[in-house]
Amino acid sequence: MKEITTILLDVDGTLLDFNKAQSAALKRVFEQNALDLTTSTLALYDEINHGLWKQYELGEISRDTVLYTRFVRLFERLGIPLDGVAFEKQYQALLAEGAYLLPGALPLVTYLSDHYDLYIVTNGVAKTQHKRLEASGLDKFMKDIFISETLGYQKPDVRFFNKCYEQIPNADPAKMIIIGDTLTSDILGGNNAGITTCWYNPNGETNHTNATVDLEIKHLDELYQYL
């Protein structure tokens, strides 16, 4: 691998277990509102949520539209007379408490921080992400934390990365690598920004996108042999 001095790290699904955090937060917020989180309700939420995030990645809608539409649509589809916006605020507060490290994440980041400049690059809610990163202990290993809500653009938009470059001393994309689990935001974003890409693919999925993967790993521990 060519010389690397800077590593851009995704958060959810790469360092932190978002699925676990989401499940816990959804369960609690539904309980707090005396609602049953059935399998069919969860499946419908996933359908609505994933569809909105895809639109966001494509730049078709804003982050706020994602957040303050998903539960509104869910309750409309289910015929539940609840305020979806208020429900979202409850959910975000609970989600911020979910700082579950993925296996090997903390030792890896500890090791990498001794050899490279590390930066977080994430599409998410700034307040929520900062709280989770602090609770997990990951924040102290980072030179900076770049969040789409704060920058005004989201991965894979090259403008997200250009904003990062403005704040990274002597930024040189040729000496960077981005590590993430999502082809359509992390890997495609790295392609757009001229950065070497590493796809963390624990489930062994097939790349059916037009994103170019330079390095593919199934376990975070595999990175020790490359970095």
C-alpha atoms as a PDB file:
ATOM      1  CA  MET A   1       0.000   0.000   0.000  1.00  0.00           C
ATOM      2  CA  LYS A   2       1.198   3.516  -0.791  1.00  0.00           C
ATOM      3  CA  GLU A   3       2.339   5.868   1.938  1.00  0.00           C
ATOM      4  CA  ILE A   4      -0.494   6.746   4.322  1.00  0.00           C
ATOM      5  CA  THR A   5      -0.308   9.531   6.898  1.00  0.00           C
ATOM      6  CA  THR A   6      -3.999  10.233   7.560  1.00  0.00           C
ATOM      7  CA  ILE A   7      -6.929   7.918   8.228  1.00  0.00           C
ATOM      8  CA  LEU A   8     -10.570   8.933   7.910  1.00  0.00           C
ATOM      9  CA  LEU A   9     -12.826   6.690   9.969  1.00  0.00           C
ATOM     10  CA  ASP A  10     -16.547   6.153   9.673  1.00  0.00           C
ATOM     11  CA  VAL A  11     -18.400   5.603  12.960  1.00  0.00           C
ATOM     12  CA  ASP A  12     -21.589   3.554  12.672  1.00  0.00           C
ATOM     13  CA  GLY A  13     -21.041   0.019  11.507  1.00  0.00           C
ATOM     14  CA  THR A  14     -17.277   0.570  11.485  1.00  0.00           C
ATOM     15  CA  LEU A  15     -16.275   1.497  15.042  1.00  0.00           C
ATOM     16  CA  LEU A  16     -19.597   1.557  16.891  1.00  0.00           C
ATOM     17  CA  ASP A  17     -22.415  -0.979  16.729  1.00  0.00           C
ATOM     18  CA  PHE A  18     -25.225   1.201  15.432  1.00  0.00           C
ATOM     19  CA  ASN A  19     -27.672  -1.661  15.053  1.00  0.00           C
ATOM     20  CA  LYS A  20     -27.390  -2.454  18.745  1.00  0.00           C
ATOM     21  CA  ALA A  21     -27.746   1.208  19.700  1.00  0.00           C
ATOM     22  CA  GLN A  22     -30.722   1.660  17.394  1.00  0.00           C
ATOM     23  CA  SER A  23     -32.492  -1.454  18.665  1.00  0.00           C
ATOM     24  CA  ALA A  24     -32.077  -0.399  22.291  1.00  0.00           C
ATOM     25  CA  ALA A  25     -33.251   3.166  21.605  1.00  0.00           C
ATOM     26  CA  LEU A  26     -36.256   2.077  19.548  1.00  0.00           C
ATOM     27  CA  LYS A  27     -37.314  -0.431  22.170  1.00  0.00           C
ATOM     28  CA  ARG A  28     -37.136   2.158  24.946  1.00  0.00           C
ATOM     29  CA  VAL A  29     -38.870   4.972  23.066  1.00  0.00           C
ATOM     30  CA  PHE A  30     -41.729   2.689  22.044  1.00  0.00           C
ATOM     31  CA  GLU A  31     -42.082   1.477  25.640  1.00  0.00           C
ATOM     32  CA  GLN A  32     -42.085   5.063  26.930  1.00  0.00           C
ATOM     33  CA  ASN A  33     -44.994   5.819  24.608  1.00  0.00           C
ATOM     34  CA  ALA A  34     -46.914   2.632  25.457  1.00  0.00           C
ATOM     35  CA  LEU A  35     -46.481   1.205  21.952  1.00  0.00           C
ATOM     36  CA  ASP A  36     -45.620  -2.318  20.842  1.00  0.00           C
ATOM     37  CA  LEU A  37     -42.514  -2.570  18.658  1.00  0.00           C
ATOM     38  CA  THR A  38     -43.590  -5.560  16.604  1.00  0.00           C
ATOM     39  CA  THR A  39     -41.524  -7.237  13.908  1.00  0.00           C
ATOM     40  CA  SER A  40     -43.749  -5.780  11.197  1.00  0.00           C
ATOM     41  CA  THR A  41     -43.527  -2.280  12.705  1.00  0.00           C
ATOM     42  CA  LEU A  42     -39.737  -2.513  12.823  1.00  0.00           C
ATOM     43  CA  ALA A  43     -39.605  -3.724   9.221  1.00  0.00           C
ATOM     44  CA  LEU A  44     -41.779  -0.809   8.110  1.00  0.00           C
ATOM     45  CA  TYR A  45     -39.611   1.659  10.019  1.00  0.00           C
ATOM     46  CA  ASP A  46     -36.466   0.224   8.395  1.00  0.00           C
ATOM     47  CA  GLU A  47     -38.041   0.559   4.949  1.00  0.00           C
ATOM     48  CA  ILE A  48     -38.993   4.198   5.529  1.00  0.00           C
ATOM     49  CA  ASN A  49     -35.737   5.111   7.270  1.00  0.00           C
ATOM     50  CA  HIS A  50     -33.402   3.500   4.734  1.00  0.00           C
ATOM     51  CA  GLY A  51     -35.299   5.081   1.856  1.00  0.00           C
ATOM     52  CA  LEU A  52     -34.970   8.549   3.364  1.00  0.00           C
ATOM     53  CA  TRP A  53     -31.252   8.138   4.103  1.00  0.00           C
ATOM     54  CA  LYS A  54     -30.630   7.046   0.511  1.00  0.00           C
ATOM     55  CA  GLN A  55     -32.357  10.210  -0.689  1.00  0.00           C
ATOM     56  CA  TYR A  56     -30.172  12.211   1.718  1.00  0.00           C
ATOM     57  CA  GLU A  57     -26.956  10.606   0.392  1.00  0.00           C
ATOM     58  CA  LEU A  58     -28.043  11.557  -3.125  1.00  0.00           C
ATOM     59  CA  GLY A  59     -28.590  15.140  -2.008  1.00  0.00           C
ATOM     60  CA  GLU A  60     -32.301  15.003  -2.756  1.00  0.00           C
ATOM     61  CA  ILE A  61     -33.481  15.892   0.755  1.00  0.00           C
ATOM     62  CA  SER A  62     -32.001  17.463   3.889  1.00  0.00           C
ATOM     63  CA  ARG A  63     -30.919  15.692   7.047  1.00  0.00           C
ATOM     64  CA  ASP A  64     -33.762  17.349   8.956  1.00  0.00           C
ATOM     65  CA  THR A  65     -36.224  15.936   6.437  1.00  0.00           C
ATOM     66  CA  VAL A  66     -34.902  12.451   7.191  1.00  0.00           C
ATOM     67  CA  LEU A  67     -35.129  12.861  10.939  1.00  0.00           C
ATOM     68  CA  TYR A  68     -38.423  14.663  11.180  1.00  0.00           C
ATOM     69  CA  THR A  69     -40.232  12.664   8.513  1.00  0.00           C
ATOM     70  CA  ARG A  70     -39.476   9.023   9.320  1.00  0.00           C
ATOM     71  CA  PHE A  71     -41.660   8.632  12.417  1.00  0.00           C
ATOM     72  CA  VAL A  72     -44.320  10.930  10.984  1.00  0.00           C
ATOM     73  CA  ARG A  73     -44.613   8.585   7.985  1.00  0.00           C
ATOM     74  CA  LEU A  74     -44.437   5.507  10.179  1.00  0.00           C
ATOM     75  CA  PHE A  75     -47.319   6.635  12.388  1.00  0.00           C
ATOM     76  CA  GLU A  76     -49.350   7.715   9.357  1.00  0.00           C
ATOM     77  CA  ARG A  77     -48.916   4.250   7.808  1.00  0.00           C
ATOM     78  CA  LEU A  78     -49.858   2.574  11.094  1.00  0.00           C
ATOM     79  CA  GLY A  79     -52.731   4.922  11.876  1.00  0.00           C
ATOM     80  CA  ILE A  80     -51.210   5.935  15.214  1.00  0.00           C
ATOM     81  CA  PRO A  81     -52.142   9.479  16.382  1.00  0.00           C
ATOM     82  CA  LEU A  82     -48.712  10.447  17.776  1.00  0.00           C
ATOM     83  CA  ASP A  83     -46.463  13.446  17.149  1.00  0.00           C
ATOM     84  CA  GLY A  84     -43.647  12.004  15.028  1.00  0.00           C
ATOM     85  CA  VAL A  85     -41.387  15.020  15.531  1.00  0.00           C
ATOM     86  CA  ALA A  86     -41.610  14.841  19.332  1.00  0.00           C
ATOM     87  CA  PHE A  87     -41.069  11.089  19.113  1.00  0.00           C
ATOM     88  CA  GLU A  88     -37.896  11.679  17.063  1.00  0.00           C
ATOM     89  CA  LYS A  89     -36.492  13.982  19.744  1.00  0.00           C
ATOM     90  CA  GLN A  90     -37.080  11.330  22.394  1.00  0.00           C
ATOM     91  CA  TYR A  91     -35.449   8.730  20.171  1.00  0.00           C
ATOM     92  CA  GLN A  92     -32.350  10.851  19.503  1.00  0.00           C
ATOM     93  CA  ALA A  93     -31.798  11.393  23.223  1.00  0.00           C
ATOM     94  CA  LEU A  94     -31.919   7.635  23.810  1.00  0.00           C
ATOM     95  CA  LEU A  95     -29.776   6.860  20.755  1.00  0.00           C
ATOM     96  CA  ALA A  96     -27.037   9.132  22.079  1.00  0.00           C
ATOM     97  CA  GLU A  97     -26.681   6.781  25.048  1.00  0.00           C
ATOM     98  CA  GLY A  98     -25.813   3.844  22.765  1.00  0.00           C
ATOM     99  CA  ALA A  99     -22.013   3.777  22.589  1.00  0.00           C
ATOM    100  CA  TYR A 100     -21.351   0.096  21.879  1.00  0.00           C
ATOM    101  CA  LEU A 101     -17.870  -0.548  20.497  1.00  0.00           C
ATOM    102  CA  LEU A 102     -17.499  -3.158  17.783  1.00  0.00           C
ATOM    103  CA  PRO A 103     -15.019  -5.981  18.554  1.00  0.00           C
ATOM    104  CA  GLY A 104     -11.452  -4.834  18.081  1.00  0.00           C
ATOM    105  CA  ALA A 105     -12.334  -1.178  17.467  1.00  0.00           C
ATOM    106  CA  LEU A 106     -10.728   0.371  20.544  1.00  0.00           C
ATOM    107  CA  PRO A 107      -7.415  -1.568  20.385  1.00  0.00           C
ATOM    108  CA  LEU A 108      -7.181  -0.792  16.672  1.00  0.00           C
ATOM    109  CA  VAL A 109      -7.784   2.934  17.109  1.00  0.00           C
ATOM    110  CA  THR A 110      -5.334   3.002  20.022  1.00  0.00           C
ATOM    111  CA  TYR A 111      -2.659   1.436  17.816  1.00  0.00           C
ATOM    112  CA  LEU A 112      -3.397   3.565  14.749  1.00  0.00           C
ATOM    113  CA  SER A 113      -3.312   6.823  16.711  1.00  0.00           C
ATOM    114  CA  ASP A 114       0.367   6.204  17.493  1.00  0.00           C
ATOM    115  CA  HIS A 115       1.231   6.026  13.796  1.00  0.00           C
ATOM    116  CA  TYR A 116      -1.313   8.134  11.895  1.00  0.00           C
ATOM    117  CA  ASP A 117      -3.491  11.223  12.176  1.00  0.00           C
ATOM    118  CA  LEU A 118      -7.034   9.987  12.764  1.00  0.00           C
ATOM    119  CA  TYR A 119     -10.239  11.823  11.864  1.00  0.00           C
ATOM    120  CA  ILE A 120     -13.889  10.855  12.187  1.00  0.00           C
ATOM    121  CA  VAL A 121     -16.064  11.352   9.089  1.00  0.00           C
ATOM    122  CA  THR A 122     -19.733  10.621   9.704  1.00  0.00           C
ATOM    123  CA  ASN A 123     -23.197  11.391   8.388  1.00  0.00           C
ATOM    124  CA  GLY A 124     -25.302  11.975  11.441  1.00  0.00           C
ATOM    125  CA  VAL A 125     -26.656  14.260  14.128  1.00  0.00           C
ATOM    126  CA  ALA A 126     -23.790  16.225  15.659  1.00  0.00           C
ATOM    127  CA  LYS A 127     -25.017  16.203  19.252  1.00  0.00           C
ATOM    128  CA  THR A 128     -25.776  12.483  19.142  1.00  0.00           C
ATOM    129  CA  GLN A 129     -22.493  11.497  17.495  1.00  0.00           C
ATOM    130  CA  HIS A 130     -20.330  13.619  19.808  1.00  0.00           C
ATOM    131  CA  LYS A 131     -21.991  12.117  22.862  1.00  0.00           C
ATOM    132  CA  ARG A 132     -21.540   8.534  21.602  1.00  0.00           C
ATOM    133  CA  LEU A 133     -17.911   9.097  20.628  1.00  0.00           C
ATOM    134  CA  GLU A 134     -17.157  10.609  24.018  1.00  0.00           C
ATOM    135  CA  ALA A 135     -18.924   7.800  25.886  1.00  0.00           C
ATOM    136  CA  SER A 136     -17.024   5.162  23.915  1.00  0.00           C
ATOM    137  CA  GLY A 137     -13.671   6.836  24.513  1.00  0.00           C
ATOM    138  CA  LEU A 138     -12.955   7.087  20.778  1.00  0.00           C
ATOM    139  CA  ASP A 139     -12.961  10.873  20.691  1.00  0.00           C
ATOM    140  CA  LYS A 140      -9.648  11.253  22.505  1.00  0.00           C
ATOM    141  CA  PHE A 141      -7.785   9.435  19.722  1.00  0.00           C
ATOM    142  CA  MET A 142      -9.036  11.789  16.997  1.00  0.00           C
ATOM    143  CA  LYS A 143      -7.407  14.929  15.656  1.00  0.00           C
ATOM    144  CA  ASP A 144     -10.874  16.179  14.726  1.00  0.00           C
ATOM    145  CA  ILE A 145     -14.435  14.984  14.206  1.00  0.00           C
ATOM    146  CA  PHE A 146     -16.251  15.866  10.984  1.00  0.00           C
ATOM    147  CA  ILE A 147     -20.031  15.455  10.970  1.00  0.00           C
ATOM    148  CA  SER A 148     -22.318  16.143   8.027  1.00  0.00           C
ATOM    149  CA  GLU A 149     -24.737  18.240  10.074  1.00  0.00           C
ATOM    150  CA  THR A 150     -21.915  20.613  11.001  1.00  0.00           C
ATOM    151  CA  LEU A 151     -20.206  20.735   7.599  1.00  0.00           C
ATOM    152  CA  GLY A 152     -23.404  21.250   5.637  1.00  0.00           C
ATOM    153  CA  TYR A 153     -22.714  18.380   3.244  1.00  0.00           C
ATOM    154  CA  GLN A 154     -22.783  14.592   3.569  1.00  0.00           C
ATOM    155  CA  LYS A 155     -20.757  11.665   2.298  1.00  0.00           C
ATOM    156  CA  PRO A 156     -20.368  10.817  -0.593  1.00  0.00           C
ATOM    157  CA  ASP A 157     -20.551  14.480  -1.705  1.00  0.00           C
ATOM    158  CA  VAL A 158     -17.028  15.677  -2.524  1.00  0.00           C
ATOM    159  CA  ARG A 159     -17.897  18.966  -0.836  1.00  0.00           C
ATOM    160  CA  PHE A 160     -18.049  17.110   2.498  1.00  0.00           C
ATOM    161  CA  PHE A 161     -14.436  16.044   2.002  1.00  0.00           C
ATOM    162  CA  ASN A 162     -13.342  19.446   0.740  1.00  0.00           C
ATOM    163  CA  LYS A 163     -14.659  20.920   3.985  1.00  0.00           C
ATOM    164  CA  CYS A 164     -12.609  18.331   5.887  1.00  0.00           C
ATOM    165  CA  TYR A 165      -9.486  19.239   3.908  1.00  0.00           C
ATOM    166  CA  GLU A 166      -9.906  22.870   4.924  1.00  0.00           C
ATOM    167  CA  GLN A 167      -9.526  21.829   8.564  1.00  0.00           C
ATOM    168  CA  ILE A 168      -6.851  19.118   8.212  1.00  0.00           C
ATOM    169  CA  PRO A 169      -3.322  20.599   8.390  1.00  0.00           C
ATOM    170  CA  ASN A 170      -1.404  20.001   5.152  1.00  0.00           C
ATOM    171  CA  ALA A 171      -4.206  17.809   3.827  1.00  0.00           C
ATOM    172  CA  ASP A 172      -3.015  15.477   1.078  1.00  0.00           C
ATOM    173  CA  PRO A 173      -5.714  13.119  -0.277  1.00  0.00           C
ATOM    174  CA  ALA A 174      -2.997  10.997  -1.916  1.00  0.00           C
ATOM    175  CA  LYS A 175      -1.758  10.042   1.551  1.00  0.00           C
ATOM    176  CA  MET A 176      -5.188   9.340   3.045  1.00  0.00           C
ATOM    177  CA  ILE A 177      -7.335   6.251   3.423  1.00  0.00           C
ATOM    178  CA  ILE A 178     -11.000   6.139   4.363  1.00  0.00           C
ATOM    179  CA  ILE A 179     -12.272   3.127   6.282  1.00  0.00           C
ATOM    180  CA  GLY A 180     -16.010   2.486   6.327  1.00  0.00           C
ATOM    181  CA  ASP A 181     -18.733  -0.105   5.966  1.00  0.00           C
ATOM    182  CA  THR A 182     -21.020   1.646   3.496  1.00  0.00           C
ATOM    183  CA  LEU A 183     -20.262   1.508  -0.211  1.00  0.00           C
ATOM    184  CA  THR A 184     -22.606   4.331  -1.208  1.00  0.00           C
ATOM    185  CA  SER A 185     -21.309   6.869   1.311  1.00  0.00           C
ATOM    186  CA  ASP A 186     -17.852   5.901   2.630  1.00  0.00           C
ATOM    187  CA  ILE A 187     -16.331   4.149  -0.385  1.00  0.00           C
ATOM    188  CA  LEU A 188     -18.000   6.188  -3.114  1.00  0.00           C
ATOM    189  CA  GLY A 189     -17.168   9.295  -1.099  1.00  0.00           C
ATOM    190  CA  GLY A 190     -13.524   8.263  -0.998  1.00  0.00           C
ATOM    191  CA  ASN A 191     -13.618   7.703  -4.760  1.00  0.00           C
ATOM    192  CA  ASN A 192     -15.108  11.156  -5.310  1.00  0.00           C
ATOM    193  CA  ALA A 193     -12.445  12.741  -3.099  1.00  0.00           C
ATOM    194  CA  GLY A 194      -9.463  10.876  -4.539  1.00  0.00           C
ATOM    195  CA  ILE A 195      -8.783   8.886  -1.368  1.00  0.00           C
ATOM    196  CA  THR A 196      -7.695   5.253  -1.037  1.00  0.00           C
ATOM    197  CA  THR A 197     -10.666   3.216   0.202  1.00  0.00           C
ATOM    198  CA  CYS A 198     -11.018   0.348   2.647  1.00  0.00           C
ATOM    199  CA  TRP A 199     -14.373  -1.399   2.773  1.00  0.00           C
ATOM    200  CA  TYR A 200     -15.113  -3.014   6.125  1.00  0.00           C
ATOM    201  CA  ASN A 201     -17.429  -5.802   5.007  1.00  0.00           C
ATOM    202  CA  PRO A 202     -18.058  -8.133   7.982  1.00  0.00           C
ATOM    203  CA  ASN A 203     -21.041  -9.842   6.345  1.00  0.00           C
ATOM    204  CA  GLY A 204     -19.248 -10.683   3.117  1.00  0.00           C
ATOM    205  CA  GLU A 205     -21.652  -8.707   0.929  1.00  0.00           C
ATOM    206  CA  THR A 206     -21.138  -8.332  -2.810  1.00  0.00           C
ATOM    207  CA  ASN A 207     -20.386  -4.933  -4.286  1.00  0.00           C
ATOM    208  CA  HIS A 208     -23.208  -4.220  -6.740  1.00  0.00           C
ATOM    209  CA  THR A 209     -22.469  -0.490  -6.854  1.00  0.00           C
ATOM    210  CA  ASN A 210     -20.126   1.582  -8.986  1.00  0.00           C
ATOM    211  CA  ALA A 211     -17.899   2.296  -5.983  1.00  0.00           C
ATOM    212  CA  THR A 212     -14.268   1.199  -6.372  1.00  0.00           C
ATOM    213  CA  VAL A 213     -12.845  -0.677  -3.377  1.00  0.00           C
ATOM    214  CA  ASP A 214      -9.049  -0.587  -2.965  1.00  0.00           C
ATOM    215  CA  LEU A 215      -8.932  -2.808   0.109  1.00  0.00           C
ATOM    216  CA  GLU A 216     -11.624  -5.065   1.548  1.00  0.00           C
ATOM    217  CA  ILE A 217     -11.567  -6.541   5.046  1.00  0.00           C
ATOM    218  CA  LYS A 218     -13.975  -8.742   6.960  1.00  0.00           C
ATOM    219  CA  HIS A 219     -12.456  -8.171  10.417  1.00  0.00           C
ATOM    220  CA  LEU A 220     -10.967  -4.980  11.836  1.00  0.00           C
ATOM    221  CA  ASP A 221      -7.935  -6.974  13.002  1.00  0.00           C
ATOM    222  CA  GLU A 222      -6.945  -7.464   9.358  1.00  0.00           C
ATOM    223  CA  LEU A 223      -5.900  -3.816   9.223  1.00  0.00           C
ATOM    224  CA  TYR A 224      -2.825  -4.484  11.345  1.00  0.00           C
ATOM    225  CA  GLN A 225      -1.173  -6.185   8.382  1.00  0.00           C
ATOM    226  CA  TYR A 226      -1.797  -3.218   6.095  1.00  0.00           C
ATOM    227  CA  LEU A 227      -1.359  -0.210   8.408  1.00  0.00           C
END
